[in-house]
Amino acid sequence: MLGCRYSHHEDKRASGYITTAEAREIMRHVGAGEPDERGAIIRAFSAPIVCRQEKGSEHWPINTGRLCAEDAAWGMIFGIEDGWFRYDRSGFLQWSELGRERYAAGESMTYMEASGQAAFAF
């Protein structure tokens, strides 16, 4: 779902070329049924790993690993809708802090936020 990964640089919205609603419609048109377990699809992605640029800024790229295109697309949709991913100032989609914490928690029903507060992972 490249349309969800990148944004127009001109409009400053940083919200993707297409919305998740539009992505869902595309998935329906190609006959890709929605999986039942949202979190499991995202946890099948490669683990979040930070990339540091020369200026010291951090970026958390989303790598889908060897998932089939359908699972990768649903994972992108779910990740955006559920807050696992967010757009940076440049309009590129990356792992959010919440998403990194949830990924690290694995299958656990709860996880610890960076603030130290316990949270439910659903």
PDB file of N, CA and C in Angstrom:
ATOM      1  N   MET A   1       0.834  -1.180   0.000  1.00  0.00           N
ATOM      2  CA  MET A   1       0.000   0.000   0.000  1.00  0.00           C
ATOM      3  C   MET A   1       0.881   1.246   0.000  1.00  0.00           C
ATOM      4  N   LEU A   2       1.528   1.478  -1.085  1.00  0.00           N
ATOM      5  CA  LEU A   2       2.412   2.640  -1.179  1.00  0.00           C
ATOM      6  C   LEU A   2       1.656   3.943  -1.000  1.00  0.00           C
ATOM      7  N   GLY A   3       0.383   3.968  -1.372  1.00  0.00           N
ATOM      8  CA  GLY A   3      -0.410   5.186  -1.215  1.00  0.00           C
ATOM      9  C   GLY A   3      -0.591   5.596   0.232  1.00  0.00           C
ATOM     10  N   CYS A   4      -0.463   4.657   1.154  1.00  0.00           N
ATOM     11  CA  CYS A   4      -0.563   4.971   2.582  1.00  0.00           C
ATOM     12  C   CYS A   4       0.791   5.339   3.173  1.00  0.00           C
ATOM     13  N   ARG A   5       1.871   4.851   2.603  1.00  0.00           N
ATOM     14  CA  ARG A   5       3.214   5.052   3.168  1.00  0.00           C
ATOM     15  C   ARG A   5       3.751   6.461   2.999  1.00  0.00           C
ATOM     16  N   TYR A   6       3.413   7.102   1.903  1.00  0.00           N
ATOM     17  CA  TYR A   6       4.005   8.400   1.573  1.00  0.00           C
ATOM     18  C   TYR A   6       2.922   9.457   1.441  1.00  0.00           C
ATOM     19  N   SER A   7       3.292  10.709   1.643  1.00  0.00           N
ATOM     20  CA  SER A   7       2.360  11.827   1.582  1.00  0.00           C
ATOM     21  C   SER A   7       2.810  12.840   0.547  1.00  0.00           C
ATOM     22  N   HIS A   8       1.858  13.679   0.133  1.00  0.00           N
ATOM     23  CA  HIS A   8       2.199  14.827  -0.708  1.00  0.00           C
ATOM     24  C   HIS A   8       3.071  15.760   0.122  1.00  0.00           C
ATOM     25  N   HIS A   9       4.127  16.255  -0.437  1.00  0.00           N
ATOM     26  CA  HIS A   9       4.986  17.175   0.312  1.00  0.00           C
ATOM     27  C   HIS A   9       4.438  18.593   0.276  1.00  0.00           C
ATOM     28  N   GLU A  10       3.583  18.889  -0.688  1.00  0.00           N
ATOM     29  CA  GLU A  10       3.081  20.245  -0.838  1.00  0.00           C
ATOM     30  C   GLU A  10       2.017  20.618   0.190  1.00  0.00           C
ATOM     31  N   ASP A  11       1.172  19.656   0.577  1.00  0.00           N
ATOM     32  CA  ASP A  11       0.018  20.020   1.402  1.00  0.00           C
ATOM     33  C   ASP A  11       0.275  20.022   2.904  1.00  0.00           C
ATOM     34  N   LYS A  12       1.406  19.529   3.352  1.00  0.00           N
ATOM     35  CA  LYS A  12       1.824  19.556   4.763  1.00  0.00           C
ATOM     36  C   LYS A  12       0.910  18.758   5.703  1.00  0.00           C
ATOM     37  N   ARG A  13      -0.034  17.979   5.172  1.00  0.00           N
ATOM     38  CA  ARG A  13      -0.921  17.208   6.039  1.00  0.00           C
ATOM     39  C   ARG A  13      -0.263  15.948   6.576  1.00  0.00           C
ATOM     40  N   ALA A  14       0.673  15.403   5.838  1.00  0.00           N
ATOM     41  CA  ALA A  14       1.349  14.155   6.233  1.00  0.00           C
ATOM     42  C   ALA A  14       0.329  13.087   6.600  1.00  0.00           C
ATOM     43  N   SER A  15      -0.506  12.732   5.626  1.00  0.00           N
ATOM     44  CA  SER A  15      -1.552  11.755   5.896  1.00  0.00           C
ATOM     45  C   SER A  15      -1.688  10.709   4.800  1.00  0.00           C
ATOM     46  N   GLY A  16      -0.706  10.579   3.937  1.00  0.00           N
ATOM     47  CA  GLY A  16      -0.751   9.581   2.875  1.00  0.00           C
ATOM     48  C   GLY A  16      -1.431  10.095   1.618  1.00  0.00           C
ATOM     49  N   TYR A  17      -1.118   9.479   0.504  1.00  0.00           N
ATOM     50  CA  TYR A  17      -1.770   9.829  -0.760  1.00  0.00           C
ATOM     51  C   TYR A  17      -3.208   9.354  -0.769  1.00  0.00           C
ATOM     52  N   ILE A  18      -3.474   8.245  -0.080  1.00  0.00           N
ATOM     53  CA  ILE A  18      -4.835   7.739   0.045  1.00  0.00           C
ATOM     54  C   ILE A  18      -5.128   7.505   1.521  1.00  0.00           C
ATOM     55  N   THR A  19      -6.392   7.538   1.872  1.00  0.00           N
ATOM     56  CA  THR A  19      -6.805   7.291   3.254  1.00  0.00           C
ATOM     57  C   THR A  19      -6.922   5.788   3.488  1.00  0.00           C
ATOM     58  N   THR A  20      -7.052   5.404   4.743  1.00  0.00           N
ATOM     59  CA  THR A  20      -7.247   3.983   5.026  1.00  0.00           C
ATOM     60  C   THR A  20      -8.603   3.523   4.500  1.00  0.00           C
ATOM     61  N   ALA A  21      -9.594   4.410   4.477  1.00  0.00           N
ATOM     62  CA  ALA A  21     -10.905   4.052   3.911  1.00  0.00           C
ATOM     63  C   ALA A  21     -10.761   3.737   2.419  1.00  0.00           C
ATOM     64  N   GLU A  22      -9.986   4.547   1.709  1.00  0.00           N
ATOM     65  CA  GLU A  22      -9.745   4.289   0.284  1.00  0.00           C
ATOM     66  C   GLU A  22      -8.947   3.000   0.098  1.00  0.00           C
ATOM     67  N   ALA A  23      -7.978   2.762   0.969  1.00  0.00           N
ATOM     68  CA  ALA A  23      -7.187   1.529   0.895  1.00  0.00           C
ATOM     69  C   ALA A  23      -8.073   0.309   1.134  1.00  0.00           C
ATOM     70  N   ARG A  24      -8.996   0.419   2.082  1.00  0.00           N
ATOM     71  CA  ARG A  24      -9.934  -0.673   2.354  1.00  0.00           C
ATOM     72  C   ARG A  24     -10.813  -0.959   1.130  1.00  0.00           C
ATOM     73  N   GLU A  25     -11.250   0.095   0.479  1.00  0.00           N
ATOM     74  CA  GLU A  25     -12.074  -0.065  -0.724  1.00  0.00           C
ATOM     75  C   GLU A  25     -11.289  -0.787  -1.825  1.00  0.00           C
ATOM     76  N   ILE A  26     -10.039  -0.423  -2.003  1.00  0.00           N
ATOM     77  CA  ILE A  26      -9.186  -1.101  -2.987  1.00  0.00           C
ATOM     78  C   ILE A  26      -9.061  -2.583  -2.631  1.00  0.00           C
ATOM     79  N   MET A  27      -8.843  -2.872  -1.354  1.00  0.00           N
ATOM     80  CA  MET A  27      -8.707  -4.264  -0.917  1.00  0.00           C
ATOM     81  C   MET A  27      -9.993  -5.043  -1.202  1.00  0.00           C
ATOM     82  N   ARG A  28     -11.156  -4.424  -0.988  1.00  0.00           N
ATOM     83  CA  ARG A  28     -12.429  -5.086  -1.297  1.00  0.00           C
ATOM     84  C   ARG A  28     -12.530  -5.383  -2.796  1.00  0.00           C
ATOM     85  N   HIS A  29     -12.135  -4.411  -3.618  1.00  0.00           N
ATOM     86  CA  HIS A  29     -12.230  -4.575  -5.076  1.00  0.00           C
ATOM     87  C   HIS A  29     -11.337  -5.695  -5.598  1.00  0.00           C
ATOM     88  N   VAL A  30     -10.224  -5.939  -4.951  1.00  0.00           N
ATOM     89  CA  VAL A  30      -9.336  -7.018  -5.409  1.00  0.00           C
ATOM     90  C   VAL A  30      -9.631  -8.344  -4.707  1.00  0.00           C
ATOM     91  N   GLY A  31     -10.678  -8.357  -3.874  1.00  0.00           N
ATOM     92  CA  GLY A  31     -11.092  -9.591  -3.218  1.00  0.00           C
ATOM     93  C   GLY A  31     -10.236 -10.015  -2.045  1.00  0.00           C
ATOM     94  N   ALA A  32      -9.556  -9.073  -1.429  1.00  0.00           N
ATOM     95  CA  ALA A  32      -8.698  -9.374  -0.276  1.00  0.00           C
ATOM     96  C   ALA A  32      -9.515  -9.238   1.004  1.00  0.00           C
ATOM     97  N   GLY A  33      -9.885 -10.355   1.591  1.00  0.00           N
ATOM     98  CA  GLY A  33     -10.686 -10.346   2.809  1.00  0.00           C
ATOM     99  C   GLY A  33      -9.899  -9.844   4.005  1.00  0.00           C
ATOM    100  N   GLU A  34     -10.597  -9.144   4.894  1.00  0.00           N
ATOM    101  CA  GLU A  34      -9.951  -8.578   6.083  1.00  0.00           C
ATOM    102  C   GLU A  34      -9.650  -9.671   7.103  1.00  0.00           C
ATOM    103  N   PRO A  35      -8.403  -9.770   7.560  1.00  0.00           N
ATOM    104  CA  PRO A  35      -8.049 -10.770   8.582  1.00  0.00           C
ATOM    105  C   PRO A  35      -8.727 -10.455   9.921  1.00  0.00           C
ATOM    106  N   ASP A  36      -8.923 -11.489  10.720  1.00  0.00           N
ATOM    107  CA  ASP A  36      -9.571 -11.313  12.021  1.00  0.00           C
ATOM    108  C   ASP A  36      -8.646 -10.699  13.061  1.00  0.00           C
ATOM    109  N   GLU A  37      -7.398 -11.103  13.083  1.00  0.00           N
ATOM    110  CA  GLU A  37      -6.469 -10.676  14.133  1.00  0.00           C
ATOM    111  C   GLU A  37      -5.582  -9.541  13.648  1.00  0.00           C
ATOM    112  N   ARG A  38      -5.931  -8.323  14.039  1.00  0.00           N
ATOM    113  CA  ARG A  38      -5.222  -7.136  13.573  1.00  0.00           C
ATOM    114  C   ARG A  38      -3.781  -7.089  14.079  1.00  0.00           C
ATOM    115  N   GLY A  39      -3.581  -7.293  15.363  1.00  0.00           N
ATOM    116  CA  GLY A  39      -2.253  -7.186  15.961  1.00  0.00           C
ATOM    117  C   GLY A  39      -1.280  -8.234  15.452  1.00  0.00           C
ATOM    118  N   ALA A  40      -1.773  -9.445  15.196  1.00  0.00           N
ATOM    119  CA  ALA A  40      -0.893 -10.528  14.735  1.00  0.00           C
ATOM    120  C   ALA A  40      -0.284 -10.198  13.377  1.00  0.00           C
ATOM    121  N   ILE A  41      -1.052  -9.558  12.513  1.00  0.00           N
ATOM    122  CA  ILE A  41      -0.533  -9.175  11.186  1.00  0.00           C
ATOM    123  C   ILE A  41       0.627  -8.199  11.367  1.00  0.00           C
ATOM    124  N   ILE A  42       0.453  -7.205  12.226  1.00  0.00           N
ATOM    125  CA  ILE A  42       1.496  -6.193  12.418  1.00  0.00           C
ATOM    126  C   ILE A  42       2.721  -6.799  13.101  1.00  0.00           C
ATOM    127  N   ARG A  43       2.497  -7.689  14.069  1.00  0.00           N
ATOM    128  CA  ARG A  43       3.630  -8.322  14.745  1.00  0.00           C
ATOM    129  C   ARG A  43       4.398  -9.273  13.826  1.00  0.00           C
ATOM    130  N   ALA A  44       3.832  -9.608  12.659  1.00  0.00           N
ATOM    131  CA  ALA A  44       4.553 -10.416  11.671  1.00  0.00           C
ATOM    132  C   ALA A  44       5.530  -9.561  10.857  1.00  0.00           C
ATOM    133  N   PHE A  45       5.419  -8.231  10.960  1.00  0.00           N
ATOM    134  CA  PHE A  45       6.374  -7.334  10.300  1.00  0.00           C
ATOM    135  C   PHE A  45       7.737  -7.499  10.970  1.00  0.00           C
ATOM    136  N   SER A  46       8.781  -7.040  10.308  1.00  0.00           N
ATOM    137  CA  SER A  46      10.113  -7.037  10.925  1.00  0.00           C
ATOM    138  C   SER A  46      10.108  -6.114  12.136  1.00  0.00           C
ATOM    139  N   ALA A  47      10.891  -6.449  13.142  1.00  0.00           N
ATOM    140  CA  ALA A  47      10.951  -5.645  14.367  1.00  0.00           C
ATOM    141  C   ALA A  47      11.390  -4.213  14.057  1.00  0.00           C
ATOM    142  N   PRO A  48      10.817  -3.243  14.773  1.00  0.00           N
ATOM    143  CA  PRO A  48      11.228  -1.846  14.573  1.00  0.00           C
ATOM    144  C   PRO A  48      12.699  -1.644  14.941  1.00  0.00           C
ATOM    145  N   ILE A  49      13.432  -1.027  14.036  1.00  0.00           N
ATOM    146  CA  ILE A  49      14.846  -0.723  14.265  1.00  0.00           C
ATOM    147  C   ILE A  49      15.081   0.723  13.858  1.00  0.00           C
ATOM    148  N   VAL A  50      15.730   1.467  14.729  1.00  0.00           N
ATOM    149  CA  VAL A  50      15.965   2.887  14.459  1.00  0.00           C
ATOM    150  C   VAL A  50      17.049   3.070  13.399  1.00  0.00           C
ATOM    151  N   CYS A  51      16.845   4.061  12.564  1.00  0.00           N
ATOM    152  CA  CYS A  51      17.864   4.512  11.604  1.00  0.00           C
ATOM    153  C   CYS A  51      18.206   5.946  11.979  1.00  0.00           C
ATOM    154  N   ARG A  52      19.482   6.204  12.222  1.00  0.00           N
ATOM    155  CA  ARG A  52      19.923   7.558  12.561  1.00  0.00           C
ATOM    156  C   ARG A  52      20.606   8.170  11.352  1.00  0.00           C
ATOM    157  N   GLN A  53      20.195   9.378  11.045  1.00  0.00           N
ATOM    158  CA  GLN A  53      20.802  10.082   9.929  1.00  0.00           C
ATOM    159  C   GLN A  53      21.968  10.906  10.434  1.00  0.00           C
ATOM    160  N   GLU A  54      22.765  11.412   9.514  1.00  0.00           N
ATOM    161  CA  GLU A  54      23.963  12.171   9.887  1.00  0.00           C
ATOM    162  C   GLU A  54      23.649  13.330  10.821  1.00  0.00           C
ATOM    163  N   LYS A  55      22.497  13.946  10.649  1.00  0.00           N
ATOM    164  CA  LYS A  55      22.118  15.086  11.487  1.00  0.00           C
ATOM    165  C   LYS A  55      21.659  14.650  12.875  1.00  0.00           C
ATOM    166  N   GLY A  56      21.574  13.355  13.084  1.00  0.00           N
ATOM    167  CA  GLY A  56      21.172  12.864  14.388  1.00  0.00           C
ATOM    168  C   GLY A  56      19.688  12.590  14.521  1.00  0.00           C
ATOM    169  N   SER A  57      18.895  12.876  13.491  1.00  0.00           N
ATOM    170  CA  SER A  57      17.462  12.613  13.583  1.00  0.00           C
ATOM    171  C   SER A  57      17.210  11.110  13.461  1.00  0.00           C
ATOM    172  N   GLU A  58      16.164  10.661  14.123  1.00  0.00           N
ATOM    173  CA  GLU A  58      15.810   9.245  14.114  1.00  0.00           C
ATOM    174  C   GLU A  58      14.655   8.998  13.165  1.00  0.00           C
ATOM    175  N   HIS A  59      14.680   7.855  12.535  1.00  0.00           N
ATOM    176  CA  HIS A  59      13.578   7.411  11.696  1.00  0.00           C
ATOM    177  C   HIS A  59      13.363   5.934  11.999  1.00  0.00           C
ATOM    178  N   TRP A  60      12.114   5.506  12.082  1.00  0.00           N
ATOM    179  CA  TRP A  60      11.768   4.128  12.401  1.00  0.00           C
ATOM    180  C   TRP A  60      11.047   3.502  11.207  1.00  0.00           C
ATOM    181  N   PRO A  61      11.781   3.051  10.180  1.00  0.00           N
ATOM    182  CA  PRO A  61      11.144   2.524   8.969  1.00  0.00           C
ATOM    183  C   PRO A  61      10.325   1.266   9.241  1.00  0.00           C
ATOM    184  N   ILE A  62       9.294   1.096   8.450  1.00  0.00           N
ATOM    185  CA  ILE A  62       8.415  -0.068   8.554  1.00  0.00           C
ATOM    186  C   ILE A  62       8.826  -1.063   7.477  1.00  0.00           C
ATOM    187  N   ASN A  63       9.272  -2.225   7.903  1.00  0.00           N
ATOM    188  CA  ASN A  63       9.666  -3.285   6.977  1.00  0.00           C
ATOM    189  C   ASN A  63       8.728  -4.468   7.173  1.00  0.00           C
ATOM    190  N   THR A  64       8.110  -4.895   6.093  1.00  0.00           N
ATOM    191  CA  THR A  64       7.117  -5.965   6.184  1.00  0.00           C
ATOM    192  C   THR A  64       7.733  -7.351   6.108  1.00  0.00           C
ATOM    193  N   GLY A  65       9.030  -7.425   5.939  1.00  0.00           N
ATOM    194  CA  GLY A  65       9.673  -8.734   5.870  1.00  0.00           C
ATOM    195  C   GLY A  65       9.221  -9.500   4.646  1.00  0.00           C
ATOM    196  N   ARG A  66       8.922 -10.762   4.831  1.00  0.00           N
ATOM    197  CA  ARG A  66       8.544 -11.612   3.699  1.00  0.00           C
ATOM    198  C   ARG A  66       7.049 -11.880   3.647  1.00  0.00           C
ATOM    199  N   LEU A  67       6.252 -10.982   4.154  1.00  0.00           N
ATOM    200  CA  LEU A  67       4.803 -11.160   4.099  1.00  0.00           C
ATOM    201  C   LEU A  67       4.312 -11.044   2.665  1.00  0.00           C
ATOM    202  N   CYS A  68       3.227 -11.736   2.365  1.00  0.00           N
ATOM    203  CA  CYS A  68       2.622 -11.577   1.046  1.00  0.00           C
ATOM    204  C   CYS A  68       2.055 -10.158   0.956  1.00  0.00           C
ATOM    205  N   ALA A  69       1.838  -9.685  -0.253  1.00  0.00           N
ATOM    206  CA  ALA A  69       1.387  -8.308  -0.472  1.00  0.00           C
ATOM    207  C   ALA A  69       0.065  -8.022   0.235  1.00  0.00           C
ATOM    208  N   GLU A  70      -0.840  -8.989   0.255  1.00  0.00           N
ATOM    209  CA  GLU A  70      -2.139  -8.801   0.899  1.00  0.00           C
ATOM    210  C   GLU A  70      -1.983  -8.580   2.403  1.00  0.00           C
ATOM    211  N   ASP A  71      -1.194  -9.414   3.064  1.00  0.00           N
ATOM    212  CA  ASP A  71      -0.979  -9.255   4.507  1.00  0.00           C
ATOM    213  C   ASP A  71      -0.247  -7.952   4.816  1.00  0.00           C
ATOM    214  N   ALA A  72       0.726  -7.600   3.987  1.00  0.00           N
ATOM    215  CA  ALA A  72       1.453  -6.344   4.193  1.00  0.00           C
ATOM    216  C   ALA A  72       0.511  -5.151   4.066  1.00  0.00           C
ATOM    217  N   ALA A  73      -0.380  -5.192   3.082  1.00  0.00           N
ATOM    218  CA  ALA A  73      -1.328  -4.091   2.892  1.00  0.00           C
ATOM    219  C   ALA A  73      -2.283  -3.980   4.074  1.00  0.00           C
ATOM    220  N   TRP A  74      -2.837  -5.105   4.523  1.00  0.00           N
ATOM    221  CA  TRP A  74      -3.725  -5.058   5.688  1.00  0.00           C
ATOM    222  C   TRP A  74      -2.965  -4.585   6.926  1.00  0.00           C
ATOM    223  N   GLY A  75      -1.728  -5.019   7.082  1.00  0.00           N
ATOM    224  CA  GLY A  75      -0.924  -4.564   8.215  1.00  0.00           C
ATOM    225  C   GLY A  75      -0.720  -3.062   8.204  1.00  0.00           C
ATOM    226  N   MET A  76      -0.504  -2.490   7.025  1.00  0.00           N
ATOM    227  CA  MET A  76      -0.345  -1.034   6.921  1.00  0.00           C
ATOM    228  C   MET A  76      -1.644  -0.330   7.309  1.00  0.00           C
ATOM    229  N   ILE A  77      -2.763  -0.838   6.811  1.00  0.00           N
ATOM    230  CA  ILE A  77      -4.066  -0.241   7.129  1.00  0.00           C
ATOM    231  C   ILE A  77      -4.314  -0.305   8.634  1.00  0.00           C
ATOM    232  N   PHE A  78      -4.175  -1.503   9.219  1.00  0.00           N
ATOM    233  CA  PHE A  78      -4.402  -1.665  10.655  1.00  0.00           C
ATOM    234  C   PHE A  78      -3.435  -0.814  11.467  1.00  0.00           C
ATOM    235  N   GLY A  79      -2.173  -0.787  11.058  1.00  0.00           N
ATOM    236  CA  GLY A  79      -1.157  -0.028  11.788  1.00  0.00           C
ATOM    237  C   GLY A  79      -1.465   1.453  11.845  1.00  0.00           C
ATOM    238  N   ILE A  80      -1.965   2.009  10.752  1.00  0.00           N
ATOM    239  CA  ILE A  80      -2.342   3.426  10.732  1.00  0.00           C
ATOM    240  C   ILE A  80      -3.575   3.643  11.594  1.00  0.00           C
ATOM    241  N   GLU A  81      -4.595   2.807  11.404  1.00  0.00           N
ATOM    242  CA  GLU A  81      -5.851   2.973  12.144  1.00  0.00           C
ATOM    243  C   GLU A  81      -5.671   2.805  13.647  1.00  0.00           C
ATOM    244  N   ASP A  82      -4.807   1.897  14.061  1.00  0.00           N
ATOM    245  CA  ASP A  82      -4.654   1.577  15.484  1.00  0.00           C
ATOM    246  C   ASP A  82      -3.494   2.299  16.161  1.00  0.00           C
ATOM    247  N   GLY A  83      -2.806   3.174  15.446  1.00  0.00           N
ATOM    248  CA  GLY A  83      -1.757   3.981  16.058  1.00  0.00           C
ATOM    249  C   GLY A  83      -0.385   3.329  16.148  1.00  0.00           C
ATOM    250  N   TRP A  84      -0.187   2.175  15.522  1.00  0.00           N
ATOM    251  CA  TRP A  84       1.131   1.537  15.518  1.00  0.00           C
ATOM    252  C   TRP A  84       2.107   2.356  14.689  1.00  0.00           C
ATOM    253  N   PHE A  85       1.591   3.047  13.667  1.00  0.00           N
ATOM    254  CA  PHE A  85       2.403   3.847  12.756  1.00  0.00           C
ATOM    255  C   PHE A  85       1.933   5.294  12.780  1.00  0.00           C
ATOM    256  N   ARG A  86       2.844   6.209  12.436  1.00  0.00           N
ATOM    257  CA  ARG A  86       2.496   7.629  12.321  1.00  0.00           C
ATOM    258  C   ARG A  86       3.339   8.242  11.210  1.00  0.00           C
ATOM    259  N   TYR A  87       2.883   9.371  10.720  1.00  0.00           N
ATOM    260  CA  TYR A  87       3.636  10.086   9.690  1.00  0.00           C
ATOM    261  C   TYR A  87       4.601  11.052  10.357  1.00  0.00           C
ATOM    262  N   ASP A  88       5.827  11.105   9.837  1.00  0.00           N
ATOM    263  CA  ASP A  88       6.775  12.090  10.358  1.00  0.00           C
ATOM    264  C   ASP A  88       6.505  13.441   9.693  1.00  0.00           C
ATOM    265  N   ARG A  89       7.280  14.447  10.041  1.00  0.00           N
ATOM    266  CA  ARG A  89       7.061  15.795   9.501  1.00  0.00           C
ATOM    267  C   ARG A  89       7.217  15.851   7.991  1.00  0.00           C
ATOM    268  N   SER A  90       7.980  14.940   7.429  1.00  0.00           N
ATOM    269  CA  SER A  90       8.188  14.911   5.980  1.00  0.00           C
ATOM    270  C   SER A  90       7.091  14.153   5.246  1.00  0.00           C
ATOM    271  N   GLY A  91       6.197  13.517   5.993  1.00  0.00           N
ATOM    272  CA  GLY A  91       5.099  12.782   5.378  1.00  0.00           C
ATOM    273  C   GLY A  91       5.361  11.314   5.136  1.00  0.00           C
ATOM    274  N   PHE A  92       6.441  10.773   5.716  1.00  0.00           N
ATOM    275  CA  PHE A  92       6.750   9.357   5.569  1.00  0.00           C
ATOM    276  C   PHE A  92       6.203   8.591   6.772  1.00  0.00           C
ATOM    277  N   LEU A  93       5.607   7.449   6.498  1.00  0.00           N
ATOM    278  CA  LEU A  93       5.049   6.624   7.555  1.00  0.00           C
ATOM    279  C   LEU A  93       6.172   5.875   8.261  1.00  0.00           C
ATOM    280  N   GLN A  94       6.106   5.816   9.597  1.00  0.00           N
ATOM    281  CA  GLN A  94       7.111   5.103  10.381  1.00  0.00           C
ATOM    282  C   GLN A  94       6.451   4.539  11.633  1.00  0.00           C
ATOM    283  N   TRP A  95       7.184   3.698  12.356  1.00  0.00           N
ATOM    284  CA  TRP A  95       6.684   3.157  13.620  1.00  0.00           C
ATOM    285  C   TRP A  95       6.498   4.307  14.609  1.00  0.00           C
ATOM    286  N   SER A  96       5.378   4.324  15.299  1.00  0.00           N
ATOM    287  CA  SER A  96       5.167   5.304  16.367  1.00  0.00           C
ATOM    288  C   SER A  96       5.777   4.760  17.658  1.00  0.00           C
ATOM    289  N   GLU A  97       5.924   5.609  18.647  1.00  0.00           N
ATOM    290  CA  GLU A  97       6.426   5.138  19.944  1.00  0.00           C
ATOM    291  C   GLU A  97       5.472   4.094  20.512  1.00  0.00           C
ATOM    292  N   LEU A  98       4.181   4.349  20.410  1.00  0.00           N
ATOM    293  CA  LEU A  98       3.171   3.404  20.871  1.00  0.00           C
ATOM    294  C   LEU A  98       3.313   2.067  20.143  1.00  0.00           C
ATOM    295  N   GLY A  99       3.494   2.110  18.828  1.00  0.00           N
ATOM    296  CA  GLY A  99       3.644   0.887  18.044  1.00  0.00           C
ATOM    297  C   GLY A  99       4.878   0.095  18.422  1.00  0.00           C
ATOM    298  N   ARG A 100       5.979   0.804  18.679  1.00  0.00           N
ATOM    299  CA  ARG A 100       7.211   0.118  19.089  1.00  0.00           C
ATOM    300  C   ARG A 100       7.020  -0.571  20.435  1.00  0.00           C
ATOM    301  N   GLU A 101       6.328   0.101  21.355  1.00  0.00           N
ATOM    302  CA  GLU A 101       6.071  -0.493  22.672  1.00  0.00           C
ATOM    303  C   GLU A 101       5.167  -1.712  22.544  1.00  0.00           C
ATOM    304  N   ARG A 102       4.119  -1.600  21.724  1.00  0.00           N
ATOM    305  CA  ARG A 102       3.197  -2.714  21.537  1.00  0.00           C
ATOM    306  C   ARG A 102       3.897  -3.897  20.870  1.00  0.00           C
ATOM    307  N   TYR A 103       4.762  -3.607  19.902  1.00  0.00           N
ATOM    308  CA  TYR A 103       5.497  -4.675  19.217  1.00  0.00           C
ATOM    309  C   TYR A 103       6.389  -5.408  20.218  1.00  0.00           C
ATOM    310  N   ALA A 104       7.084  -4.655  21.060  1.00  0.00           N
ATOM    311  CA  ALA A 104       7.979  -5.254  22.057  1.00  0.00           C
ATOM    312  C   ALA A 104       7.207  -6.107  23.061  1.00  0.00           C
ATOM    313  N   ALA A 105       5.951  -5.745  23.337  1.00  0.00           N
ATOM    314  CA  ALA A 105       5.132  -6.495  24.285  1.00  0.00           C
ATOM    315  C   ALA A 105       4.705  -7.846  23.722  1.00  0.00           C
ATOM    316  N   GLY A 106       4.751  -8.007  22.404  1.00  0.00           N
ATOM    317  CA  GLY A 106       4.366  -9.272  21.779  1.00  0.00           C
ATOM    318  C   GLY A 106       2.895  -9.569  21.952  1.00  0.00           C
ATOM    319  N   GLU A 107       2.585 -10.802  22.307  1.00  0.00           N
ATOM    320  CA  GLU A 107       1.198 -11.254  22.436  1.00  0.00           C
ATOM    321  C   GLU A 107       0.564 -10.857  23.766  1.00  0.00           C
ATOM    322  N   SER A 108       1.293 -10.206  24.627  1.00  0.00           N
ATOM    323  CA  SER A 108       0.786  -9.834  25.947  1.00  0.00           C
ATOM    324  C   SER A 108      -0.455  -8.956  25.829  1.00  0.00           C
ATOM    325  N   MET A 109      -1.378  -9.108  26.749  1.00  0.00           N
ATOM    326  CA  MET A 109      -2.590  -8.289  26.758  1.00  0.00           C
ATOM    327  C   MET A 109      -2.309  -6.872  27.254  1.00  0.00           C
ATOM    328  N   THR A 110      -1.203  -6.691  27.980  1.00  0.00           N
ATOM    329  CA  THR A 110      -0.819  -5.368  28.465  1.00  0.00           C
ATOM    330  C   THR A 110       0.639  -5.116  28.116  1.00  0.00           C
ATOM    331  N   TYR A 111       1.023  -3.865  28.150  1.00  0.00           N
ATOM    332  CA  TYR A 111       2.415  -3.492  27.913  1.00  0.00           C
ATOM    333  C   TYR A 111       2.712  -2.237  28.711  1.00  0.00           C
ATOM    334  N   MET A 112       3.982  -1.916  28.867  1.00  0.00           N
ATOM    335  CA  MET A 112       4.411  -0.747  29.620  1.00  0.00           C
ATOM    336  C   MET A 112       4.757   0.372  28.643  1.00  0.00           C
ATOM    337  N   GLU A 113       4.095   1.522  28.800  1.00  0.00           N
ATOM    338  CA  GLU A 113       4.396   2.680  27.967  1.00  0.00           C
ATOM    339  C   GLU A 113       5.714   3.302  28.420  1.00  0.00           C
ATOM    340  N   ALA A 114       6.299   4.139  27.570  1.00  0.00           N
ATOM    341  CA  ALA A 114       7.558   4.808  27.908  1.00  0.00           C
ATOM    342  C   ALA A 114       7.408   5.645  29.172  1.00  0.00           C
ATOM    343  N   SER A 115       6.184   6.105  29.450  1.00  0.00           N
ATOM    344  CA  SER A 115       5.926   6.918  30.637  1.00  0.00           C
ATOM    345  C   SER A 115       5.944   6.092  31.922  1.00  0.00           C
ATOM    346  N   GLY A 116       5.947   4.747  31.774  1.00  0.00           N
ATOM    347  CA  GLY A 116       5.916   3.876  32.941  1.00  0.00           C
ATOM    348  C   GLY A 116       4.523   3.392  33.291  1.00  0.00           C
ATOM    349  N   GLN A 117       3.529   3.870  32.572  1.00  0.00           N
ATOM    350  CA  GLN A 117       2.144   3.487  32.836  1.00  0.00           C
ATOM    351  C   GLN A 117       1.798   2.214  32.070  1.00  0.00           C
ATOM    352  N   ALA A 118       1.061   1.309  32.713  1.00  0.00           N
ATOM    353  CA  ALA A 118       0.610   0.087  32.045  1.00  0.00           C
ATOM    354  C   ALA A 118      -0.535   0.433  31.102  1.00  0.00           C
ATOM    355  N   ALA A 119      -0.599  -0.263  29.961  1.00  0.00           N
ATOM    356  CA  ALA A 119      -1.653  -0.022  28.975  1.00  0.00           C
ATOM    357  C   ALA A 119      -2.107  -1.354  28.398  1.00  0.00           C
ATOM    358  N   PHE A 120      -3.355  -1.383  27.923  1.00  0.00           N
ATOM    359  CA  PHE A 120      -3.888  -2.576  27.282  1.00  0.00           C
ATOM    360  C   PHE A 120      -3.502  -2.584  25.812  1.00  0.00           C
ATOM    361  N   ALA A 121      -3.119  -3.742  25.293  1.00  0.00           N
ATOM    362  CA  ALA A 121      -2.634  -3.864  23.911  1.00  0.00           C
ATOM    363  C   ALA A 121      -3.735  -4.374  22.989  1.00  0.00           C
ATOM    364  N   PHE A 122      -4.775  -3.559  22.784  1.00  0.00           N
ATOM    365  CA  PHE A 122      -5.801  -3.953  21.795  1.00  0.00           C
ATOM    366  C   PHE A 122      -6.193  -2.805  20.958  1.00  0.00           C
TER     367      PHE A 122
END
